[in-house]
Amino acid sequence: MPPAVPDEITATPATRREWLGLAVLMLPTVLLALDMTVLHLAAPHLSADLRPTSDQLLWILDIYGFMIAGFLVTMGTLGDRIGRRKLLLAGASAFGLASVMAAFSESAETLIAARALLGVAGATLMPSTLSLLRNMFQVERERTLAITVWMTGFIVGSAIGPLVGGALLEFFWWGSVFLLGVPVMLLLLLCGPWLLPEFRDENAGRQDLPSALLSVAMVLAVIYGLKDLARNGVHAAPFLSMLLGLALAVVFTRRQRRLSEPMFDLSLFRSRHFSTSVAAMMLTILALSGAWLMVFQYLQGVLGLSPLQAGLAMLPPAVVQTAASLLIPAATRYIPHSRLVSGGLVLAAVGLAALMRVNDIDDLMLLVVGMTIMGMGVMPMMILGTDMVVSAAPATKAGAASATSETATELGMALGIAVIGSVGAAVYRRHMLDAMPAGLNDAQTLAAGDTLGGAIGAAAQLPPALAAQVLEAARAGFSAALHTNSAIGAVIIAGTALMTAQLLRGRPANGAAPASAPETVEEQP
């Protein structure tokens, strides 16, 4: 078999069509980030209309993330087989239809089903867009810039989510937040066939159904266990679920090694840059999630800002983060990847440490600065880590590599919520146990000692003087939890910086498809 030809020799610079196609590929990233933020704003409104039980409301909030995480690997490898553009457009169609179904749901059960379908459809979008970028932008410098622009879609979507969602809920019904996906997906369906080429691996073989089922089941079991552990504390069920997921992972791995045409090529992990980047991305998201998810609660519950004010407070970090991220491709010309990534992570650790000094409304500027520094610091890892993951894999395996990257971030988020989030919750409860004033009944004591929202709700039922004491204790307890989670995150980020400085040295090897495993490229109409 002739040796693979390096990308640097055969790479073709991107044309105007590829750069216009990049704009199309940004649409799903903006939409998915929006969809993850607006639902929490709509939750009180849909609860008043549909009257779901507490368990049903949790499924409405969680099923979307479960299904995305569970189906990422399956959809990524499916795109390698049937065509990445075909899978992207099919997923966009399903996402648009499920969005309409969710918007006009008349029962909690229907909304849960619609959210599950949205999750499955969403799992087709991310691996497809990222693997298409891998094929459309063959020159390394151009690919890094394309991934940078693609990644800014998440930042923009997360930043405008509270503002757009708040405006829609101000003038329309709760279902309007789901209809955001319809025009976006229509635009993708109209432009995608003309601007996006088709890529698939001709020698990938058929999709192995048992492997696909194992892949979905193992990720769902682990994610469900972690979420249950975070929400309900330490008990047998989440550990049994995670053990089942790990057992299924062992079976999945053994099956892939036996198959002549495996669904997922485990040899990808032989690349040091691939495996290190995947691990570092997971650790980075894990470290951030414990504190990052508390910030909006902190702004509203502790500092007393309205949802709109909280969204505006987080706009400067998003703007600076977006601007800084666009400088990363240019910085790679002068700074090695390992130094840029590890240096950025050190900066992120400093930003997390700054959150440990925030105590009241006078420290709002410090919180904004800390979030800005943290956001700037993680972008080299997220951009260059993603670039190294998709570049280290052969072009024919771009879908599987992209899915692995996305799955790592989902697992990192779930681990951060379960582990670091549980530590923060324990700190809050311990503080409330010591500082809770007398005069509350058992139900009020239980609610106030459990969450900040519970304390605010209990205070609304109390006389003003007693309510002020409860709120003061709750705000101090939540501040202590934020400080603790920020400290843990800073330590993990610093450790990840050391790991990447050592293991990401040298330029990542660009993957190239072997001559015996060609990839079919179909031109656009």
Protein backbone atom coordinates (compact mmCIF):
# COMPACT_ATOMS: atom_id res chain seq x y z
CA MET A 1 0.00 0.00 0.00
CA PRO A 2 1.49 3.38 -0.94
CA PRO A 3 2.20 5.76 1.89
CA ALA A 4 -0.29 8.44 2.79
CA VAL A 5 0.48 11.83 1.33
CA PRO A 6 0.68 14.62 3.91
CA ASP A 7 -2.01 17.25 3.80
CA GLU A 8 0.55 20.02 3.36
CA ILE A 9 1.47 18.64 -0.09
CA THR A 10 -2.01 17.85 -1.43
CA ALA A 11 -4.00 20.52 0.41
CA THR A 12 -6.07 22.84 -1.77
CA PRO A 13 -6.79 26.37 -0.51
CA ALA A 14 -10.43 27.10 0.21
CA THR A 15 -12.42 28.99 -2.38
CA ARG A 16 -15.16 31.56 -1.91
CA ARG A 17 -17.75 28.77 -1.85
CA GLU A 18 -16.09 27.09 1.14
CA TRP A 19 -16.05 30.35 3.11
CA LEU A 20 -19.72 30.96 2.31
CA GLY A 21 -20.36 27.37 3.37
CA LEU A 22 -18.70 28.16 6.70
CA ALA A 23 -21.39 30.78 7.35
CA VAL A 24 -24.02 28.08 6.76
CA LEU A 25 -22.25 25.69 9.15
CA MET A 26 -22.30 28.31 11.89
CA LEU A 27 -26.11 28.30 11.94
CA PRO A 28 -26.49 25.03 13.91
CA THR A 29 -23.94 26.10 16.53
CA VAL A 30 -25.76 29.37 17.22
CA LEU A 31 -29.09 27.56 17.36
CA LEU A 32 -27.96 24.79 19.72
CA ALA A 33 -26.42 27.31 22.12
CA LEU A 34 -29.63 29.34 22.03
CA ASP A 35 -31.75 26.26 22.62
CA MET A 36 -29.75 25.30 25.70
CA THR A 37 -30.23 28.71 27.35
CA VAL A 38 -33.78 29.78 26.49
CA LEU A 39 -35.55 26.70 27.90
CA HIS A 40 -34.57 27.53 31.48
CA LEU A 41 -36.08 30.99 30.99
CA ALA A 42 -39.28 29.44 29.63
CA ALA A 43 -39.57 26.78 32.34
CA PRO A 44 -41.77 28.85 34.73
CA HIS A 45 -44.11 29.81 31.87
CA LEU A 46 -44.56 26.31 30.47
CA SER A 47 -44.96 24.95 34.01
CA ALA A 48 -47.91 27.30 34.58
CA ASP A 49 -49.48 26.25 31.27
CA LEU A 50 -48.81 22.49 31.07
CA ARG A 51 -48.67 21.87 34.84
CA PRO A 52 -46.05 19.10 34.66
CA THR A 53 -45.13 17.09 37.74
CA SER A 54 -41.69 17.73 39.23
CA ASP A 55 -40.35 14.58 37.55
CA GLN A 56 -41.85 15.59 34.20
CA LEU A 57 -40.28 19.06 34.43
CA LEU A 58 -36.88 17.50 35.10
CA TRP A 59 -37.27 15.29 32.02
CA ILE A 60 -38.31 18.32 29.94
CA LEU A 61 -35.09 20.04 31.01
CA ASP A 62 -32.76 17.02 30.81
CA ILE A 63 -33.92 14.74 27.98
CA TYR A 64 -32.46 17.01 25.29
CA GLY A 65 -28.94 16.78 26.69
CA PHE A 66 -29.29 13.04 27.34
CA MET A 67 -30.20 12.28 23.75
CA ILE A 68 -27.52 14.53 22.26
CA ALA A 69 -24.82 12.88 24.39
CA GLY A 70 -26.09 9.38 23.72
CA PHE A 71 -26.34 9.66 19.92
CA LEU A 72 -23.23 11.72 19.10
CA VAL A 73 -20.87 8.81 18.35
CA THR A 74 -23.52 6.89 16.41
CA MET A 75 -24.43 9.90 14.29
CA GLY A 76 -20.80 10.86 13.71
CA THR A 77 -19.93 7.43 12.32
CA LEU A 78 -23.20 7.30 10.37
CA GLY A 79 -22.23 10.54 8.61
CA ASP A 80 -18.92 8.97 7.57
CA ARG A 81 -20.92 6.20 5.90
CA ILE A 82 -23.95 7.82 4.26
CA GLY A 83 -22.52 11.31 3.68
CA ARG A 84 -22.02 14.21 6.06
CA ARG A 85 -24.07 16.74 4.09
CA LYS A 86 -26.92 14.24 3.75
CA LEU A 87 -26.95 13.60 7.51
CA LEU A 88 -26.73 17.34 8.28
CA LEU A 89 -29.70 18.20 6.08
CA ALA A 90 -31.74 15.26 7.38
CA GLY A 91 -30.97 16.33 10.95
CA ALA A 92 -31.89 19.93 10.15
CA SER A 93 -35.27 18.82 8.80
CA ALA A 94 -35.95 16.71 11.87
CA PHE A 95 -34.85 19.54 14.17
CA GLY A 96 -37.22 22.00 12.51
CA LEU A 97 -40.19 19.61 12.72
CA ALA A 98 -39.43 18.73 16.36
CA SER A 99 -39.18 22.46 17.16
CA VAL A 100 -42.72 23.00 15.84
CA MET A 101 -43.92 19.98 17.81
CA ALA A 102 -42.36 21.37 20.99
CA ALA A 103 -43.75 24.87 20.44
CA PHE A 104 -47.34 23.67 20.15
CA SER A 105 -47.22 20.91 22.77
CA GLU A 106 -50.41 20.69 24.80
CA SER A 107 -49.15 18.23 27.40
CA ALA A 108 -45.96 17.55 29.33
CA GLU A 109 -45.65 14.12 27.70
CA THR A 110 -45.75 15.62 24.21
CA LEU A 111 -43.12 18.20 25.13
CA ILE A 112 -40.84 15.51 26.58
CA ALA A 113 -41.16 13.50 23.35
CA ALA A 114 -40.45 16.61 21.26
CA ARG A 115 -37.38 17.45 23.35
CA ALA A 116 -36.12 13.88 22.91
CA LEU A 117 -36.49 14.18 19.12
CA LEU A 118 -34.71 17.54 19.25
CA GLY A 119 -31.83 15.84 21.05
CA VAL A 120 -31.51 13.06 18.49
CA ALA A 121 -31.66 15.60 15.65
CA GLY A 122 -29.16 17.86 17.47
CA ALA A 123 -26.73 14.93 17.68
CA THR A 124 -26.57 14.88 13.87
CA LEU A 125 -25.70 18.56 13.58
CA MET A 126 -22.46 18.98 15.52
CA PRO A 127 -20.41 16.02 14.15
CA SER A 128 -21.65 16.79 10.63
CA THR A 129 -20.68 20.47 10.71
CA LEU A 130 -17.27 19.85 12.27
CA SER A 131 -16.39 16.95 9.98
CA LEU A 132 -17.43 19.00 6.94
CA LEU A 133 -15.07 21.75 8.10
CA ARG A 134 -12.30 19.14 8.25
CA ASN A 135 -12.86 18.30 4.60
CA MET A 136 -13.66 21.75 3.23
CA PHE A 137 -10.60 23.46 4.72
CA GLN A 138 -7.54 21.35 3.92
CA VAL A 139 -4.87 23.99 4.61
CA GLU A 140 -4.07 23.89 8.32
CA ARG A 141 -4.05 27.68 8.81
CA GLU A 142 -7.40 28.03 7.04
CA ARG A 143 -8.90 25.14 8.98
CA THR A 144 -7.88 26.69 12.30
CA LEU A 145 -9.53 29.96 11.28
CA ALA A 146 -12.67 28.12 10.14
CA ILE A 147 -12.96 26.24 13.44
CA THR A 148 -12.43 29.52 15.28
CA VAL A 149 -15.31 31.15 13.42
CA TRP A 150 -17.42 28.01 13.94
CA MET A 151 -16.70 28.09 17.69
CA THR A 152 -17.76 31.73 17.97
CA GLY A 153 -21.25 30.57 17.06
CA PHE A 154 -21.51 28.98 20.50
CA ILE A 155 -20.36 32.18 22.19
CA VAL A 156 -22.81 34.32 20.25
CA GLY A 157 -25.69 31.91 20.87
CA SER A 158 -24.96 31.70 24.59
CA ALA A 159 -24.65 35.48 24.88
CA ILE A 160 -27.84 36.42 23.07
CA GLY A 161 -29.87 33.49 24.42
CA PRO A 162 -31.06 35.24 27.62
CA LEU A 163 -31.78 38.45 25.71
CA VAL A 164 -33.67 36.83 22.83
CA GLY A 165 -35.49 34.43 25.12
CA GLY A 166 -36.46 37.20 27.52
CA ALA A 167 -37.80 39.36 24.69
CA LEU A 168 -39.87 36.51 23.22
CA LEU A 169 -41.33 35.61 26.60
CA GLU A 170 -42.17 39.25 27.20
CA PHE A 171 -44.41 39.47 24.13
CA PHE A 172 -45.30 35.88 23.13
CA TRP A 173 -46.15 32.49 24.67
CA TRP A 174 -43.52 30.06 25.94
CA GLY A 175 -43.57 27.97 22.76
CA SER A 176 -42.15 30.86 20.76
CA VAL A 177 -38.65 30.10 22.08
CA PHE A 178 -38.71 26.76 20.25
CA LEU A 179 -39.74 28.35 16.97
CA LEU A 180 -36.34 30.05 16.80
CA GLY A 181 -35.09 26.84 15.23
CA VAL A 182 -37.49 26.84 12.29
CA PRO A 183 -36.18 29.79 10.19
CA VAL A 184 -32.58 28.84 11.00
CA MET A 185 -33.09 25.29 9.78
CA LEU A 186 -35.00 26.47 6.70
CA LEU A 187 -32.03 28.67 5.77
CA LEU A 188 -29.68 25.72 6.27
CA LEU A 189 -31.87 23.49 4.08
CA LEU A 190 -32.01 26.13 1.33
CA CYS A 191 -28.30 27.03 1.27
CA GLY A 192 -26.71 23.72 2.31
CA PRO A 193 -27.20 21.80 -0.96
CA TRP A 194 -25.59 24.65 -2.95
CA LEU A 195 -22.71 25.63 -0.68
CA LEU A 196 -21.75 22.39 1.06
CA PRO A 197 -20.04 19.52 -0.75
CA GLU A 198 -20.78 15.89 0.14
CA PHE A 199 -18.15 13.68 1.75
CA ARG A 200 -18.29 10.04 2.76
CA ASP A 201 -15.96 7.12 3.31
CA GLU A 202 -16.59 4.60 0.51
CA ASN A 203 -14.86 1.75 2.39
CA ALA A 204 -16.50 2.34 5.77
CA GLY A 205 -18.88 -0.63 5.43
CA ARG A 206 -22.36 -0.87 6.83
CA GLN A 207 -23.39 0.66 10.14
CA ASP A 208 -23.18 -2.03 12.82
CA LEU A 209 -26.51 -1.92 14.68
CA PRO A 210 -25.34 -3.72 17.86
CA SER A 211 -22.40 -1.30 18.14
CA ALA A 212 -24.73 1.66 17.64
CA LEU A 213 -27.08 0.41 20.37
CA LEU A 214 -24.16 -0.21 22.73
CA SER A 215 -22.78 3.27 22.03
CA VAL A 216 -26.09 4.96 22.82
CA ALA A 217 -26.78 2.83 25.90
CA MET A 218 -23.35 3.23 27.49
CA VAL A 219 -23.28 7.03 27.19
CA LEU A 220 -26.90 7.42 28.34
CA ALA A 221 -26.27 5.22 31.39
CA VAL A 222 -23.20 7.21 32.46
CA ILE A 223 -24.79 10.63 31.84
CA TYR A 224 -28.01 9.61 33.63
CA GLY A 225 -26.05 8.36 36.64
CA LEU A 226 -24.02 11.55 36.87
CA LYS A 227 -27.13 13.76 36.60
CA ASP A 228 -28.96 11.70 39.22
CA LEU A 229 -25.97 11.90 41.54
CA ALA A 230 -25.83 15.67 41.15
CA ARG A 231 -29.56 16.16 41.74
CA ASN A 232 -30.38 13.56 44.42
CA GLY A 233 -27.06 13.05 46.19
CA VAL A 234 -25.26 9.82 47.03
CA HIS A 235 -27.41 6.69 46.75
CA ALA A 236 -27.21 3.35 44.98
CA ALA A 237 -29.11 4.08 41.74
CA PRO A 238 -26.66 6.53 40.07
CA PHE A 239 -23.66 4.33 40.82
CA LEU A 240 -25.44 1.27 39.42
CA SER A 241 -26.30 3.28 36.29
CA MET A 242 -22.68 4.42 35.84
CA LEU A 243 -21.36 0.89 36.44
CA LEU A 244 -23.77 -0.40 33.79
CA GLY A 245 -22.51 2.27 31.40
CA LEU A 246 -18.88 1.34 32.05
CA ALA A 247 -19.67 -2.36 31.56
CA LEU A 248 -21.35 -1.60 28.25
CA ALA A 249 -18.29 0.48 27.29
CA VAL A 250 -16.08 -2.57 27.84
CA VAL A 251 -18.38 -4.69 25.65
CA PHE A 252 -18.43 -1.93 23.00
CA THR A 253 -14.63 -1.68 23.00
CA ARG A 254 -14.15 -5.43 22.67
CA ARG A 255 -16.63 -5.59 19.83
CA GLN A 256 -14.86 -2.81 17.92
CA ARG A 257 -11.55 -4.67 18.24
CA ARG A 258 -13.07 -7.88 16.85
CA LEU A 259 -14.88 -6.37 13.88
CA SER A 260 -13.06 -6.17 10.55
CA GLU A 261 -15.00 -2.95 9.85
CA PRO A 262 -15.63 -1.39 13.29
CA MET A 263 -18.22 1.33 13.77
CA PHE A 264 -15.68 3.37 15.73
CA ASP A 265 -11.97 3.13 14.98
CA LEU A 266 -10.22 2.90 18.36
CA SER A 267 -6.86 3.40 16.66
CA LEU A 268 -7.65 7.13 16.68
CA PHE A 269 -6.57 7.18 20.32
CA ARG A 270 -3.07 6.04 19.37
CA SER A 271 -2.41 9.62 18.31
CA ARG A 272 -1.01 11.49 21.30
CA HIS A 273 -2.43 14.79 20.10
CA PHE A 274 -5.87 13.27 19.55
CA SER A 275 -6.13 11.56 22.94
CA THR A 276 -4.55 14.46 24.86
CA SER A 277 -6.84 17.00 23.21
CA VAL A 278 -9.94 14.92 23.95
CA ALA A 279 -8.93 14.50 27.61
CA ALA A 280 -7.99 18.17 28.00
CA MET A 281 -11.27 19.38 26.51
CA MET A 282 -13.23 17.15 28.89
CA LEU A 283 -11.22 18.37 31.90
CA THR A 284 -11.58 22.00 30.85
CA ILE A 285 -15.37 21.78 30.60
CA LEU A 286 -15.48 19.80 33.85
CA ALA A 287 -13.52 22.51 35.67
CA LEU A 288 -15.60 25.37 34.28
CA SER A 289 -19.06 23.87 34.70
CA GLY A 290 -19.04 23.81 38.50
CA ALA A 291 -18.70 27.61 38.74
CA TRP A 292 -19.99 28.73 35.33
CA LEU A 293 -23.47 27.25 35.87
CA MET A 294 -23.74 29.08 39.20
CA VAL A 295 -23.00 32.54 37.83
CA PHE A 296 -26.49 33.38 36.52
CA GLN A 297 -28.03 32.16 39.77
CA TYR A 298 -25.49 34.26 41.66
CA LEU A 299 -26.23 37.38 39.64
CA GLN A 300 -29.97 37.11 40.26
CA GLY A 301 -30.29 35.33 43.62
CA VAL A 302 -27.34 36.92 45.46
CA LEU A 303 -26.67 40.22 43.69
CA GLY A 304 -30.36 40.89 43.02
CA LEU A 305 -30.21 41.54 39.26
CA SER A 306 -33.17 40.89 36.97
CA PRO A 307 -32.82 38.23 34.22
CA LEU A 308 -32.33 40.98 31.63
CA GLN A 309 -29.73 42.75 33.79
CA ALA A 310 -27.92 39.44 34.32
CA GLY A 311 -27.87 38.85 30.57
CA LEU A 312 -26.49 42.33 29.95
CA ALA A 313 -23.82 41.81 32.63
CA MET A 314 -22.58 38.74 30.76
CA LEU A 315 -22.45 40.48 27.38
CA PRO A 316 -19.00 42.10 27.86
CA PRO A 317 -17.31 38.74 28.57
CA ALA A 318 -18.96 37.26 25.47
CA VAL A 319 -17.90 40.18 23.25
CA VAL A 320 -14.30 40.13 24.49
CA GLN A 321 -14.18 36.33 24.26
CA THR A 322 -15.37 36.43 20.65
CA ALA A 323 -12.85 39.13 19.70
CA ALA A 324 -9.99 37.31 21.44
CA SER A 325 -10.86 34.00 19.82
CA LEU A 326 -10.52 35.51 16.36
CA LEU A 327 -6.89 36.37 17.15
CA ILE A 328 -5.96 32.75 17.86
CA PRO A 329 -5.31 31.68 14.24
CA ALA A 330 -2.86 34.55 13.82
CA ALA A 331 -1.22 33.75 17.16
CA THR A 332 -0.48 30.18 16.04
CA ARG A 333 2.00 31.56 13.50
CA TYR A 334 4.25 32.77 16.30
CA ILE A 335 3.38 30.66 19.35
CA PRO A 336 3.44 26.83 19.43
CA HIS A 337 0.09 25.17 20.04
CA SER A 338 1.17 23.68 23.36
CA ARG A 339 2.25 27.05 24.77
CA LEU A 340 -0.83 28.86 23.49
CA VAL A 341 -3.16 26.24 24.96
CA SER A 342 -1.38 25.85 28.30
CA GLY A 343 -0.86 29.62 28.66
CA GLY A 344 -4.54 30.22 27.99
CA LEU A 345 -5.51 27.63 30.61
CA VAL A 346 -3.30 29.38 33.18
CA LEU A 347 -5.16 32.59 32.34
CA ALA A 348 -8.48 30.77 32.80
CA ALA A 349 -7.33 29.57 36.22
CA VAL A 350 -6.63 33.20 37.17
CA GLY A 351 -10.15 34.15 36.04
CA LEU A 352 -11.65 31.39 38.19
CA ALA A 353 -9.54 32.50 41.14
CA ALA A 354 -10.94 36.03 40.75
CA LEU A 355 -14.46 34.66 41.36
CA MET A 356 -13.32 33.60 44.81
CA ARG A 357 -13.17 37.31 45.79
CA VAL A 358 -16.75 38.14 44.77
CA ASN A 359 -19.10 38.68 47.74
CA ASP A 360 -21.70 41.39 46.99
CA ILE A 361 -23.01 43.84 44.39
CA ASP A 362 -19.92 46.03 44.85
CA ASP A 363 -17.90 43.16 43.37
CA LEU A 364 -20.00 42.89 40.19
CA MET A 365 -17.19 44.37 38.08
CA LEU A 366 -14.73 41.84 39.53
CA LEU A 367 -17.10 39.02 38.58
CA VAL A 368 -17.42 40.36 35.02
CA VAL A 369 -13.64 40.71 34.73
CA GLY A 370 -13.09 37.21 36.12
CA MET A 371 -15.58 35.72 33.65
CA THR A 372 -13.94 37.66 30.82
CA ILE A 373 -10.45 36.41 31.70
CA MET A 374 -11.73 32.87 32.11
CA GLY A 375 -13.52 32.95 28.75
CA MET A 376 -10.47 34.32 26.96
CA GLY A 377 -8.26 31.69 28.56
CA VAL A 378 -10.24 28.63 27.55
CA MET A 379 -10.67 29.58 23.90
CA PRO A 380 -7.21 28.39 22.71
CA MET A 381 -7.96 24.99 24.26
CA MET A 382 -11.42 24.73 22.75
CA ILE A 383 -10.39 25.96 19.30
CA LEU A 384 -6.96 24.36 18.91
CA GLY A 385 -8.02 21.24 20.82
CA THR A 386 -10.91 20.75 18.41
CA ASP A 387 -8.58 21.46 15.49
CA MET A 388 -6.05 18.90 16.71
CA VAL A 389 -8.76 16.26 17.26
CA VAL A 390 -10.14 16.51 13.72
CA SER A 391 -6.70 17.01 12.15
CA ALA A 392 -5.09 14.04 13.89
CA ALA A 393 -7.73 11.69 12.47
CA PRO A 394 -7.77 10.60 8.82
CA ALA A 395 -10.20 12.58 6.71
CA THR A 396 -12.35 9.47 6.26
CA LYS A 397 -12.85 9.29 10.06
CA ALA A 398 -13.66 12.97 10.54
CA GLY A 399 -17.21 12.25 11.66
CA ALA A 400 -16.12 9.81 14.35
CA ALA A 401 -13.38 12.18 15.52
CA SER A 402 -15.78 15.12 15.67
CA ALA A 403 -18.30 13.05 17.63
CA THR A 404 -15.58 12.04 20.09
CA SER A 405 -14.72 15.70 20.67
CA GLU A 406 -18.37 16.61 21.30
CA THR A 407 -18.95 13.58 23.54
CA ALA A 408 -15.95 14.57 25.66
CA THR A 409 -17.44 18.01 26.28
CA GLU A 410 -20.82 16.49 27.18
CA LEU A 411 -19.18 14.09 29.64
CA GLY A 412 -17.10 16.91 31.06
CA MET A 413 -20.21 18.99 31.64
CA ALA A 414 -22.03 16.09 33.32
CA LEU A 415 -19.02 15.27 35.51
CA GLY A 416 -18.62 18.89 36.51
CA ILE A 417 -22.26 19.18 37.52
CA ALA A 418 -22.21 15.88 39.38
CA VAL A 419 -18.87 16.12 41.17
CA ILE A 420 -18.00 19.80 41.58
CA GLY A 421 -21.66 20.82 41.70
CA SER A 422 -22.30 18.32 44.50
CA VAL A 423 -19.38 19.75 46.48
CA GLY A 424 -20.81 23.25 46.11
CA ALA A 425 -24.26 22.02 47.18
CA ALA A 426 -22.73 20.39 50.25
CA VAL A 427 -20.95 23.63 51.17
CA TYR A 428 -24.23 25.56 50.85
CA ARG A 429 -26.16 23.06 52.97
CA ARG A 430 -23.47 22.99 55.65
CA HIS A 431 -23.49 26.78 55.85
CA MET A 432 -27.28 26.89 56.09
CA LEU A 433 -27.25 24.23 58.80
CA ASP A 434 -25.06 26.51 60.91
CA ALA A 435 -26.61 29.89 59.98
CA MET A 436 -30.33 29.09 59.63
CA PRO A 437 -32.34 31.35 62.00
CA ALA A 438 -35.01 29.90 64.27
CA GLY A 439 -38.70 30.35 63.48
CA LEU A 440 -39.09 28.35 60.26
CA ASN A 441 -41.31 25.30 59.98
CA ASP A 442 -39.90 21.97 58.77
CA ALA A 443 -40.88 22.49 55.13
CA GLN A 444 -39.37 25.98 55.02
CA THR A 445 -36.19 24.79 56.74
CA LEU A 446 -35.83 21.92 54.27
CA ALA A 447 -36.40 24.17 51.23
CA ALA A 448 -34.10 26.96 52.42
CA GLY A 449 -31.34 24.53 53.32
CA ASP A 450 -31.49 22.74 49.97
CA THR A 451 -31.07 25.45 47.31
CA LEU A 452 -30.82 29.21 46.90
CA GLY A 453 -34.14 29.20 45.03
CA GLY A 454 -35.73 27.30 47.89
CA ALA A 455 -34.44 29.89 50.37
CA ILE A 456 -35.87 32.75 48.28
CA GLY A 457 -39.21 30.94 48.09
CA ALA A 458 -39.26 30.27 51.84
CA ALA A 459 -38.36 33.88 52.61
CA ALA A 460 -41.39 35.08 50.67
CA GLN A 461 -43.60 33.32 53.24
CA LEU A 462 -41.90 34.80 56.31
CA PRO A 463 -42.15 38.10 58.21
CA PRO A 464 -39.75 40.75 56.83
CA ALA A 465 -37.18 40.56 59.64
CA LEU A 466 -36.96 36.76 59.58
CA ALA A 467 -36.98 36.71 55.77
CA ALA A 468 -33.99 39.08 55.73
CA GLN A 469 -32.03 36.72 58.01
CA VAL A 470 -32.82 33.72 55.82
CA LEU A 471 -31.80 35.56 52.66
CA GLU A 472 -28.58 36.83 54.22
CA ALA A 473 -27.64 33.30 55.30
CA ALA A 474 -28.56 31.86 51.89
CA ARG A 475 -26.58 34.46 49.96
CA ALA A 476 -23.54 33.94 52.17
CA GLY A 477 -23.86 30.16 51.74
CA PHE A 478 -24.20 30.40 47.97
CA SER A 479 -21.20 32.74 47.81
CA ALA A 480 -19.18 30.17 49.78
CA ALA A 481 -20.30 27.46 47.32
CA LEU A 482 -19.26 29.61 44.34
CA HIS A 483 -15.87 30.27 45.93
CA THR A 484 -15.35 26.56 46.59
CA ASN A 485 -16.31 25.50 43.07
CA SER A 486 -14.11 28.23 41.59
CA ALA A 487 -11.14 27.02 43.65
CA ILE A 488 -11.65 23.40 42.56
CA GLY A 489 -12.01 24.47 38.94
CA ALA A 490 -8.86 26.60 39.11
CA VAL A 491 -6.84 23.64 40.40
CA ILE A 492 -8.15 21.32 37.67
CA ILE A 493 -7.50 23.92 34.96
CA ALA A 494 -3.95 24.48 36.25
CA GLY A 495 -3.32 20.72 36.18
CA THR A 496 -4.68 20.54 32.63
CA ALA A 497 -2.33 23.37 31.66
CA LEU A 498 0.63 21.33 32.87
CA MET A 499 -0.61 18.24 31.01
CA THR A 500 -1.07 20.07 27.71
CA ALA A 501 2.29 21.83 28.02
CA GLN A 502 3.98 18.43 28.19
CA LEU A 503 1.88 16.27 25.85
CA LEU A 504 0.95 18.71 23.09
CA ARG A 505 4.52 19.62 22.22
CA GLY A 506 5.22 19.57 18.52
CA ARG A 507 2.80 20.10 15.68
CA PRO A 508 -0.05 17.58 15.46
CA ALA A 509 0.20 15.08 12.66
CA ASN A 510 -2.30 15.86 9.94
CA GLY A 511 -4.42 12.85 9.16
CA ALA A 512 -4.66 11.69 5.62
CA ALA A 513 -6.83 8.98 4.21
CA PRO A 514 -4.79 6.03 2.97
CA ALA A 515 -4.85 5.44 -0.74
CA SER A 516 -6.74 2.16 -0.24
CA ALA A 517 -9.57 3.90 1.63
CA PRO A 518 -10.60 6.79 -0.58
CA GLU A 519 -13.22 9.28 0.40
CA THR A 520 -15.87 10.21 -2.10
CA VAL A 521 -16.28 13.92 -2.71
CA GLU A 522 -19.34 15.01 -4.59
CA GLU A 523 -19.41 18.50 -6.04
CA GLN A 524 -22.22 20.87 -5.26
CA PRO A 525 -24.89 21.47 -7.86
